[in-house]
Amino acid sequence: MLQVPFIRQNKALVLERLALKNFKELDLVEEILVLDDKRKKLTLEYDETQAKINSASKEIGKLMAQGQKEEAEARKSEVASLKEKLQPANEELIATEKALHDVLIKLPNLPAAAVPPGKTPEENVEIRKGGQVPVLHAGAVPHWDLAKKYDLIDFELGNKITGSGFPVYKNKGARLQRAMIQYFLDFNINNGYTEYQPPHMVNAASAYGTGQLPDKEGQMYFVGEDELYLIPTAEVPLTNLFRDEILKDTDLPVKMTGYTPCFRREAGSYGKDVRGLNRLHQFDKVELVQIVHPDKSYDVLEEMTAHVEALVQSLQLPYRILKLCGGDMGFGSALTYDFEVYSTAQQRWLEVSSVSNVETFQANRAKIRFKDGTGKAQLVHTLNGSSLALPRILACILENNQAEDGIHIPAVLQSYFGSGKIS
């Protein structure tokens, strides 16, 4: 959430950066400033009325002690009259503060200066690429056919017991999923991240704190009776571990990793985008979250990007890194790098990770602060990244490593998987 003083002092910049993000409701900026002016006016009037009540109340005691009962009664009437005004004034102030908050949370985070212009994914900027696209044998097929041939994933059974987008992994498919999760976690832990196993449901305050609410309410599964949301990513519970906390500057950076299933409704996706593992309603993901000093967050963003790149490289998959343009960025992001791996059988790039710096956007919502060297409380910066999302990684491992004698497992996964090949 943006801060009102920043918006007021930098109105032109805010409008410019929101336009870069292709945000359409620019009139909300002026509405925020008008509501803030009203809030200030009402606060001043309320404080002045309360001060008059306090002053008159003190006088009543003195007048009574001096035997000036008539003057004291006059002051009592004055206090009663002022108190009658105070309650509706307080109600109007509360309503104005709520209206201001409700408009403020509709604004996305501002894109950083380094974000390129553009409105569509085609306008994202390729930063670099690596790995080699394999040459497949003549009988190569997409991963959904491989899953059926080797009895790895049952899409129809998942559709039977739940619905489309909920596959059942089985036999060596389930084992390979488990191998990847363990390898990804170990890779992160060996690079200084602390592992957490958070809840898979969160309350509204947590979803609000990381920006899923109200922006992505329609994409989240909601348990109405208990008013809980199934998490779309481990970023939500991990970041909220520190909601309403004040850290010491020596506590920073906080580096967290965790594996969770993720749940997303993903409405409006059709055709090849949803075939096989390309787009699911439930999928497994290992996540990275860092809470850092504001001065260091962009260095940390590059560090996290290099970390994810090394992980993808270890799987020997062809990949590319894209810097997202303003119009393709997430609601809370200030700068995002997307990782895509190449699916040779499908002949298309598939997104497998996003690494983002959200600066103070989540910290302001979740009230995550730290005390600097002077003892002053400041908002932290938060960052998050997928390390990695499993379905499309699995799809590319199956497709890119298929051969006439089976599917060859990447070397780094073989000890976790217990074999070098699926046949």
Protein backbone atom coordinates (compact mmCIF):
# COMPACT_ATOMS: atom_id res chain seq x y z
CA MET A 1 0.00 0.00 0.00
CA LEU A 2 1.29 3.42 -0.92
CA GLN A 3 1.64 6.05 1.79
CA VAL A 4 -0.51 9.18 1.58
CA PRO A 5 2.31 11.66 2.39
CA PHE A 6 4.35 10.20 -0.49
CA ILE A 7 1.39 10.50 -2.86
CA ARG A 8 0.79 14.12 -1.79
CA GLN A 9 4.44 15.14 -2.17
CA ASN A 10 4.92 13.27 -5.46
CA LYS A 11 1.54 13.44 -7.20
CA ALA A 12 2.93 13.88 -10.73
CA LEU A 13 5.39 11.00 -10.28
CA VAL A 14 2.68 8.74 -8.86
CA LEU A 15 0.40 9.42 -11.85
CA GLU A 16 3.26 8.83 -14.27
CA ARG A 17 4.29 5.51 -12.70
CA LEU A 18 0.70 4.27 -12.40
CA ALA A 19 0.21 5.03 -16.09
CA LEU A 20 3.35 2.99 -16.85
CA LYS A 21 1.72 0.10 -15.02
CA ASN A 22 -1.31 0.55 -17.30
CA PHE A 23 -3.50 1.42 -14.29
CA LYS A 24 -6.76 2.88 -15.55
CA GLU A 25 -8.26 4.52 -12.45
CA LEU A 26 -5.89 7.47 -12.16
CA ASP A 27 -8.69 9.64 -10.76
CA LEU A 28 -8.34 7.66 -7.51
CA VAL A 29 -5.16 9.65 -6.76
CA GLU A 30 -7.10 12.91 -6.56
CA GLU A 31 -9.87 11.19 -4.61
CA ILE A 32 -7.28 10.06 -2.05
CA LEU A 33 -5.96 13.58 -1.62
CA VAL A 34 -9.48 15.03 -1.23
CA LEU A 35 -10.37 12.41 1.40
CA ASP A 36 -7.08 13.04 3.19
CA ASP A 37 -7.82 16.79 3.29
CA LYS A 38 -11.24 16.00 4.75
CA ARG A 39 -9.66 13.64 7.27
CA LYS A 40 -7.20 16.31 8.40
CA LYS A 41 -9.98 18.91 8.73
CA LEU A 42 -12.18 16.56 10.76
CA THR A 43 -9.23 15.50 12.94
CA LEU A 44 -8.43 19.15 13.70
CA GLU A 45 -12.05 19.93 14.53
CA TYR A 46 -12.31 16.84 16.73
CA ASP A 47 -9.08 17.65 18.57
CA GLU A 48 -10.11 21.27 19.10
CA THR A 49 -13.51 20.20 20.50
CA GLN A 50 -11.86 17.64 22.78
CA ALA A 51 -9.42 20.31 24.00
CA LYS A 52 -12.32 22.65 24.83
CA ILE A 53 -14.03 19.84 26.77
CA ASN A 54 -10.83 19.12 28.71
CA SER A 55 -10.26 22.80 29.48
CA ALA A 56 -13.85 23.39 30.58
CA SER A 57 -13.82 20.23 32.73
CA LYS A 58 -10.76 21.49 34.60
CA GLU A 59 -12.45 24.83 35.20
CA ILE A 60 -15.52 23.14 36.67
CA GLY A 61 -13.46 21.62 39.46
CA LYS A 62 -11.80 24.94 40.28
CA LEU A 63 -15.09 26.85 40.23
CA MET A 64 -16.74 24.31 42.53
CA ALA A 65 -13.80 24.54 44.93
CA GLN A 66 -14.19 28.32 44.96
CA GLY A 67 -17.94 28.09 45.61
CA GLN A 68 -18.87 29.54 42.23
CA LYS A 69 -21.67 27.05 41.56
CA GLU A 70 -23.48 29.07 38.89
CA GLU A 71 -20.33 29.46 36.82
CA ALA A 72 -19.58 25.75 37.30
CA GLU A 73 -23.07 24.78 36.10
CA ALA A 74 -22.63 27.01 33.04
CA ARG A 75 -19.41 25.21 32.25
CA LYS A 76 -21.16 21.84 32.71
CA SER A 77 -23.78 22.84 30.16
CA GLU A 78 -21.00 23.91 27.80
CA VAL A 79 -19.25 20.56 28.21
CA ALA A 80 -22.52 18.67 27.63
CA SER A 81 -23.13 20.65 24.43
CA LEU A 82 -19.60 20.00 23.19
CA LYS A 83 -19.88 16.28 23.94
CA GLU A 84 -23.07 16.09 21.86
CA LYS A 85 -21.08 17.42 18.91
CA LEU A 86 -18.12 15.15 19.57
CA GLN A 87 -19.82 11.80 18.92
CA PRO A 88 -21.14 12.56 15.40
CA ALA A 89 -17.84 14.26 14.60
CA ASN A 90 -15.96 11.13 15.64
CA GLU A 91 -18.29 8.94 13.56
CA GLU A 92 -17.72 11.14 10.50
CA LEU A 93 -13.97 10.99 11.06
CA ILE A 94 -14.01 7.19 11.32
CA ALA A 95 -16.13 6.93 8.16
CA THR A 96 -13.74 9.25 6.29
CA GLU A 97 -10.69 7.29 7.42
CA LYS A 98 -12.34 4.06 6.22
CA ALA A 99 -13.26 5.62 2.88
CA LEU A 100 -9.66 6.82 2.48
CA HIS A 101 -8.30 3.37 3.30
CA ASP A 102 -10.75 1.65 0.93
CA VAL A 103 -9.62 3.84 -1.97
CA LEU A 104 -5.94 3.66 -1.05
CA ILE A 105 -5.82 -0.14 -1.18
CA LYS A 106 -7.05 -0.04 -4.79
CA LEU A 107 -3.78 1.53 -5.93
CA PRO A 108 -1.10 -0.93 -7.09
CA ASN A 109 2.54 -0.50 -6.18
CA LEU A 110 4.52 1.91 -8.31
CA PRO A 111 6.92 0.36 -10.83
CA ALA A 112 10.59 1.12 -10.22
CA ALA A 113 12.54 3.41 -12.54
CA ALA A 114 14.15 0.37 -14.21
CA VAL A 115 10.80 -1.08 -15.35
CA PRO A 116 10.46 -0.92 -19.17
CA PRO A 117 7.32 0.53 -20.77
CA GLY A 118 4.79 -1.81 -22.34
CA LYS A 119 1.35 -3.29 -21.86
CA THR A 120 1.61 -6.93 -22.97
CA PRO A 121 3.89 -9.92 -22.29
CA GLU A 122 5.33 -9.50 -25.78
CA GLU A 123 6.87 -6.22 -24.61
CA ASN A 124 8.83 -7.78 -21.74
CA VAL A 125 12.59 -7.41 -22.10
CA GLU A 126 14.84 -10.46 -22.31
CA ILE A 127 17.78 -10.01 -19.94
CA ARG A 128 19.66 -13.21 -20.73
CA LYS A 129 19.19 -16.85 -21.61
CA GLY A 130 21.09 -20.06 -21.05
CA GLY A 131 21.11 -23.78 -21.57
CA GLN A 132 20.78 -25.76 -24.75
CA VAL A 133 17.54 -26.70 -26.46
CA PRO A 134 17.79 -30.47 -27.02
CA VAL A 135 17.16 -32.18 -30.33
CA LEU A 136 14.50 -34.79 -29.68
CA HIS A 137 14.10 -38.14 -31.41
CA ALA A 138 11.47 -38.56 -34.10
CA GLY A 139 8.85 -40.06 -31.79
CA ALA A 140 9.00 -37.30 -29.13
CA VAL A 141 5.64 -36.31 -27.59
CA PRO A 142 4.32 -33.70 -25.10
CA HIS A 143 4.40 -34.41 -21.39
CA TRP A 144 0.72 -35.39 -21.15
CA ASP A 145 1.39 -38.27 -23.50
CA LEU A 146 4.56 -39.20 -21.62
CA ALA A 147 2.62 -39.14 -18.33
CA LYS A 148 0.16 -41.65 -19.75
CA LYS A 149 2.80 -43.82 -21.42
CA TYR A 150 4.87 -44.21 -18.23
CA ASP A 151 1.90 -44.06 -15.80
CA LEU A 152 3.18 -40.92 -14.03
CA ILE A 153 0.13 -38.64 -13.81
CA ASP A 154 -3.58 -39.37 -14.10
CA PHE A 155 -5.46 -36.27 -15.25
CA GLU A 156 -8.78 -38.08 -15.68
CA LEU A 157 -8.70 -39.48 -12.14
CA GLY A 158 -8.04 -36.00 -10.74
CA ASN A 159 -11.00 -34.72 -12.74
CA LYS A 160 -13.14 -37.52 -11.29
CA ILE A 161 -12.36 -36.90 -7.63
CA THR A 162 -12.14 -33.09 -7.75
CA GLY A 163 -12.28 -31.47 -11.18
CA SER A 164 -10.06 -30.28 -14.01
CA GLY A 165 -6.78 -28.76 -12.91
CA PHE A 166 -6.28 -31.21 -10.01
CA PRO A 167 -4.04 -34.02 -11.35
CA VAL A 168 -3.14 -37.19 -9.47
CA TYR A 169 0.61 -37.94 -9.47
CA LYS A 170 1.37 -41.62 -9.13
CA ASN A 171 4.22 -44.12 -9.11
CA LYS A 172 7.45 -42.55 -10.41
CA GLY A 173 5.59 -39.32 -11.17
CA ALA A 174 4.83 -38.87 -7.46
CA ARG A 175 8.40 -39.86 -6.58
CA LEU A 176 9.84 -37.30 -8.99
CA GLN A 177 7.62 -34.60 -7.50
CA ARG A 178 8.91 -35.47 -4.02
CA ALA A 179 12.50 -35.55 -5.28
CA MET A 180 12.22 -32.06 -6.77
CA ILE A 181 10.67 -30.60 -3.61
CA GLN A 182 13.45 -32.00 -1.43
CA TYR A 183 16.18 -30.90 -3.84
CA PHE A 184 14.78 -27.37 -4.16
CA LEU A 185 14.54 -27.01 -0.38
CA ASP A 186 18.05 -28.33 0.18
CA PHE A 187 19.39 -25.99 -2.52
CA ASN A 188 17.80 -23.02 -0.75
CA ILE A 189 18.83 -24.09 2.75
CA ASN A 190 22.44 -24.56 1.60
CA ASN A 191 22.32 -20.95 0.42
CA GLY A 192 21.35 -19.51 3.79
CA TYR A 193 17.56 -19.75 3.80
CA THR A 194 15.68 -21.05 6.84
CA GLU A 195 12.99 -23.61 6.08
CA TYR A 196 9.43 -23.10 7.32
CA GLN A 197 6.36 -25.27 6.91
CA PRO A 198 3.50 -22.75 7.14
CA PRO A 199 -0.28 -23.29 7.19
CA HIS A 200 -2.00 -23.80 3.86
CA MET A 201 -4.90 -21.50 4.79
CA VAL A 202 -4.75 -17.88 5.95
CA ASN A 203 -7.16 -15.35 7.37
CA ALA A 204 -8.24 -12.19 5.58
CA ALA A 205 -5.70 -10.05 7.45
CA SER A 206 -2.86 -12.15 6.07
CA ALA A 207 -4.21 -12.09 2.51
CA TYR A 208 -4.66 -8.33 2.81
CA GLY A 209 -1.15 -7.91 4.23
CA THR A 210 0.56 -9.32 1.14
CA GLY A 211 -1.82 -7.67 -1.34
CA GLN A 212 -3.93 -10.65 -2.46
CA LEU A 213 -6.98 -8.89 -1.05
CA PRO A 214 -8.82 -7.11 -2.43
CA ASP A 215 -6.98 -7.35 -5.78
CA LYS A 216 -7.12 -11.13 -6.32
CA GLU A 217 -10.14 -12.12 -4.27
CA GLY A 218 -11.79 -13.78 -7.27
CA GLN A 219 -8.73 -15.97 -7.89
CA MET A 220 -8.57 -17.38 -4.36
CA TYR A 221 -10.47 -20.35 -2.94
CA PHE A 222 -12.49 -19.25 0.09
CA VAL A 223 -13.74 -21.41 2.97
CA GLY A 224 -16.84 -19.42 3.85
CA GLU A 225 -17.84 -21.02 7.14
CA ASP A 226 -14.42 -20.35 8.66
CA GLU A 227 -13.59 -17.23 6.62
CA LEU A 228 -10.22 -18.62 5.56
CA TYR A 229 -8.46 -18.54 2.19
CA LEU A 230 -6.46 -21.37 0.63
CA ILE A 231 -3.04 -19.91 -0.12
CA PRO A 232 -2.12 -19.06 -3.74
CA THR A 233 1.58 -19.13 -2.77
CA ALA A 234 3.71 -19.66 0.35
CA GLU A 235 4.69 -15.99 0.05
CA VAL A 236 1.45 -15.15 1.90
CA PRO A 237 1.96 -17.10 5.16
CA LEU A 238 5.76 -16.67 5.16
CA THR A 239 5.62 -12.88 4.89
CA ASN A 240 2.86 -12.69 7.48
CA LEU A 241 4.98 -14.50 10.05
CA PHE A 242 6.32 -11.01 10.76
CA ARG A 243 3.05 -9.05 10.48
CA ASP A 244 2.76 -6.34 13.18
CA GLU A 245 6.37 -6.98 14.26
CA ILE A 246 9.22 -4.54 14.81
CA LEU A 247 12.57 -6.17 14.05
CA LYS A 248 16.05 -5.04 15.00
CA ASP A 249 18.31 -3.90 12.18
CA THR A 250 20.63 -6.74 13.19
CA ASP A 251 17.82 -9.23 12.43
CA LEU A 252 17.97 -8.30 8.75
CA PRO A 253 17.98 -9.90 6.30
CA VAL A 254 15.38 -12.53 7.14
CA LYS A 255 15.68 -15.34 4.55
CA MET A 256 12.87 -17.89 4.40
CA THR A 257 12.01 -20.83 2.19
CA GLY A 258 9.06 -23.18 2.33
CA TYR A 259 7.22 -25.83 0.37
CA THR A 260 3.43 -25.71 0.10
CA PRO A 261 0.71 -26.72 -2.27
CA CYS A 262 -0.79 -23.64 -3.93
CA PHE A 263 -4.42 -23.09 -4.89
CA ARG A 264 -5.60 -20.76 -7.66
CA ARG A 265 -8.94 -20.61 -9.41
CA GLU A 266 -7.29 -19.33 -12.62
CA ALA A 267 -10.56 -18.39 -14.29
CA GLY A 268 -10.57 -17.54 -17.99
CA SER A 269 -7.78 -19.86 -19.23
CA TYR A 270 -8.42 -22.03 -22.26
CA GLY A 271 -6.84 -24.17 -24.99
CA LYS A 272 -3.17 -25.07 -25.03
CA ASP A 273 -2.52 -22.88 -21.97
CA VAL A 274 -4.33 -25.39 -19.75
CA ARG A 275 -3.28 -28.69 -21.39
CA GLY A 276 -1.59 -31.16 -19.07
CA LEU A 277 0.51 -29.44 -16.41
CA ASN A 278 0.55 -26.05 -18.10
CA ARG A 279 -2.03 -24.47 -15.80
CA LEU A 280 -3.48 -26.06 -12.67
CA HIS A 281 -5.78 -25.13 -9.82
CA GLN A 282 -3.59 -26.98 -7.29
CA PHE A 283 0.17 -27.27 -7.69
CA ASP A 284 3.31 -27.62 -5.59
CA LYS A 285 5.84 -24.83 -5.20
CA VAL A 286 8.93 -24.03 -3.17
CA GLU A 287 9.07 -20.34 -2.33
CA LEU A 288 11.70 -17.80 -1.30
CA VAL A 289 10.93 -14.73 0.82
CA GLN A 290 13.35 -12.14 2.11
CA ILE A 291 12.73 -9.24 4.51
CA VAL A 292 15.55 -6.74 4.14
CA HIS A 293 16.85 -3.26 4.84
CA PRO A 294 15.40 -0.77 2.31
CA ASP A 295 18.87 0.30 1.17
CA LYS A 296 19.75 -3.25 0.13
CA SER A 297 16.61 -4.59 -1.54
CA TYR A 298 17.70 -4.15 -5.16
CA ASP A 299 21.02 -5.85 -4.49
CA VAL A 300 19.02 -8.65 -2.86
CA LEU A 301 16.73 -8.83 -5.90
CA GLU A 302 19.73 -9.50 -8.14
CA GLU A 303 21.06 -12.02 -5.61
CA MET A 304 17.74 -13.89 -5.53
CA THR A 305 17.54 -13.85 -9.33
CA ALA A 306 21.04 -15.33 -9.57
CA HIS A 307 20.05 -17.95 -6.99
CA VAL A 308 17.02 -19.08 -9.00
CA GLU A 309 19.09 -19.01 -12.19
CA ALA A 310 21.66 -21.34 -10.64
CA LEU A 311 18.87 -23.70 -9.61
CA VAL A 312 17.43 -23.80 -13.14
CA GLN A 313 20.91 -24.28 -14.58
CA SER A 314 21.48 -27.25 -12.27
CA LEU A 315 18.47 -28.95 -13.87
CA GLN A 316 20.11 -28.48 -17.30
CA LEU A 317 17.03 -26.84 -18.78
CA PRO A 318 17.08 -24.14 -21.48
CA TYR A 319 15.81 -20.91 -19.93
CA ARG A 320 15.48 -17.19 -20.35
CA ILE A 321 15.05 -14.32 -17.88
CA LEU A 322 12.65 -11.50 -18.68
CA LYS A 323 12.28 -8.11 -17.06
CA LEU A 324 8.55 -7.48 -16.99
CA CYS A 325 7.18 -4.34 -18.58
CA GLY A 326 4.87 -2.07 -16.60
CA GLY A 327 1.64 -3.47 -17.98
CA ASP A 328 2.54 -7.12 -17.30
CA MET A 329 3.59 -6.70 -13.67
CA GLY A 330 1.77 -7.92 -10.61
CA PHE A 331 -0.31 -5.65 -8.38
CA GLY A 332 2.27 -5.37 -5.59
CA SER A 333 5.51 -5.57 -7.55
CA ALA A 334 7.97 -2.72 -8.05
CA LEU A 335 10.24 -4.81 -10.31
CA THR A 336 9.87 -8.42 -11.46
CA TYR A 337 12.07 -10.90 -13.29
CA ASP A 338 10.28 -13.86 -14.85
CA PHE A 339 12.01 -17.18 -15.58
CA GLU A 340 10.82 -19.27 -18.49
CA VAL A 341 12.02 -22.71 -19.52
CA TYR A 342 11.67 -24.06 -23.03
CA SER A 343 9.34 -26.97 -23.62
CA THR A 344 10.85 -28.67 -26.64
CA ALA A 345 7.93 -31.00 -27.34
CA GLN A 346 5.41 -28.15 -27.13
CA GLN A 347 7.84 -25.70 -28.76
CA ARG A 348 6.99 -22.89 -26.36
CA TRP A 349 8.35 -21.04 -23.35
CA LEU A 350 6.72 -21.80 -19.99
CA GLU A 351 6.96 -19.51 -16.95
CA VAL A 352 8.37 -21.32 -13.90
CA SER A 353 9.35 -18.49 -11.55
CA SER A 354 8.85 -14.82 -10.79
CA VAL A 355 11.29 -12.96 -8.55
CA SER A 356 9.98 -9.62 -7.32
CA ASN A 357 10.90 -6.68 -5.13
CA VAL A 358 7.74 -5.17 -3.64
CA GLU A 359 9.67 -2.55 -1.61
CA THR A 360 7.46 -1.24 1.27
CA PHE A 361 4.13 -2.15 -0.37
CA GLN A 362 3.50 -5.27 1.73
CA ALA A 363 5.36 -3.99 4.77
CA ASN A 364 3.04 -0.97 4.98
CA ARG A 365 -0.04 -3.19 4.77
CA ALA A 366 1.30 -5.81 7.19
CA LYS A 367 3.05 -3.28 9.48
CA ILE A 368 6.45 -4.99 9.29
CA ARG A 369 9.10 -2.59 10.56
CA PHE A 370 12.61 -2.46 11.95
CA LYS A 371 14.43 -0.07 14.26
CA ASP A 372 17.43 1.58 12.68
CA GLY A 373 20.61 2.65 14.49
CA THR A 374 18.88 5.72 15.92
CA GLY A 375 15.99 3.69 17.31
CA LYS A 376 13.52 5.01 14.72
CA ALA A 377 11.04 2.50 13.30
CA GLN A 378 11.06 2.17 9.50
CA LEU A 379 9.24 -0.06 7.04
CA VAL A 380 11.26 -2.99 5.70
CA HIS A 381 11.37 -4.07 2.06
CA THR A 382 10.04 -7.52 1.16
CA LEU A 383 10.97 -9.72 -1.79
CA ASN A 384 9.67 -13.06 -3.01
CA GLY A 385 10.44 -15.61 -5.67
CA SER A 386 9.50 -19.11 -6.85
CA SER A 387 12.27 -21.62 -6.34
CA LEU A 388 10.60 -23.35 -8.10
CA ALA A 389 7.00 -23.97 -9.21
CA LEU A 390 6.91 -27.68 -10.00
CA PRO A 391 4.33 -28.41 -12.73
CA ARG A 392 5.99 -26.74 -15.72
CA ILE A 393 9.46 -27.72 -14.50
CA LEU A 394 8.26 -31.32 -14.41
CA ALA A 395 6.70 -30.92 -17.87
CA CYS A 396 9.98 -29.66 -19.32
CA ILE A 397 12.08 -32.31 -17.55
CA LEU A 398 9.86 -35.04 -19.01
CA GLU A 399 9.74 -33.56 -22.51
CA ASN A 400 13.33 -32.36 -22.87
CA ASN A 401 14.87 -35.53 -21.46
CA GLN A 402 12.80 -38.10 -23.31
CA ALA A 403 14.65 -40.61 -25.44
CA GLU A 404 13.81 -43.86 -27.18
CA ASP A 405 14.88 -45.84 -24.10
CA GLY A 406 12.96 -43.74 -21.55
CA ILE A 407 13.12 -40.41 -19.71
CA HIS A 408 16.54 -39.48 -18.33
CA ILE A 409 16.55 -37.79 -14.92
CA PRO A 410 18.80 -34.71 -14.42
CA ALA A 411 21.96 -35.65 -12.52
CA VAL A 412 21.20 -33.43 -9.49
CA LEU A 413 17.88 -35.22 -8.94
CA GLN A 414 19.06 -38.79 -9.33
CA SER A 415 20.07 -39.38 -5.70
CA TYR A 416 16.72 -37.92 -4.54
CA PHE A 417 14.74 -39.88 -7.12
CA GLY A 418 16.66 -43.10 -6.60
CA SER A 419 17.29 -43.77 -10.26
CA GLY A 420 18.71 -42.16 -13.39
CA LYS A 421 15.86 -43.01 -15.71
CA ILE A 422 12.14 -43.61 -16.05
CA SER A 423 11.45 -46.53 -18.34
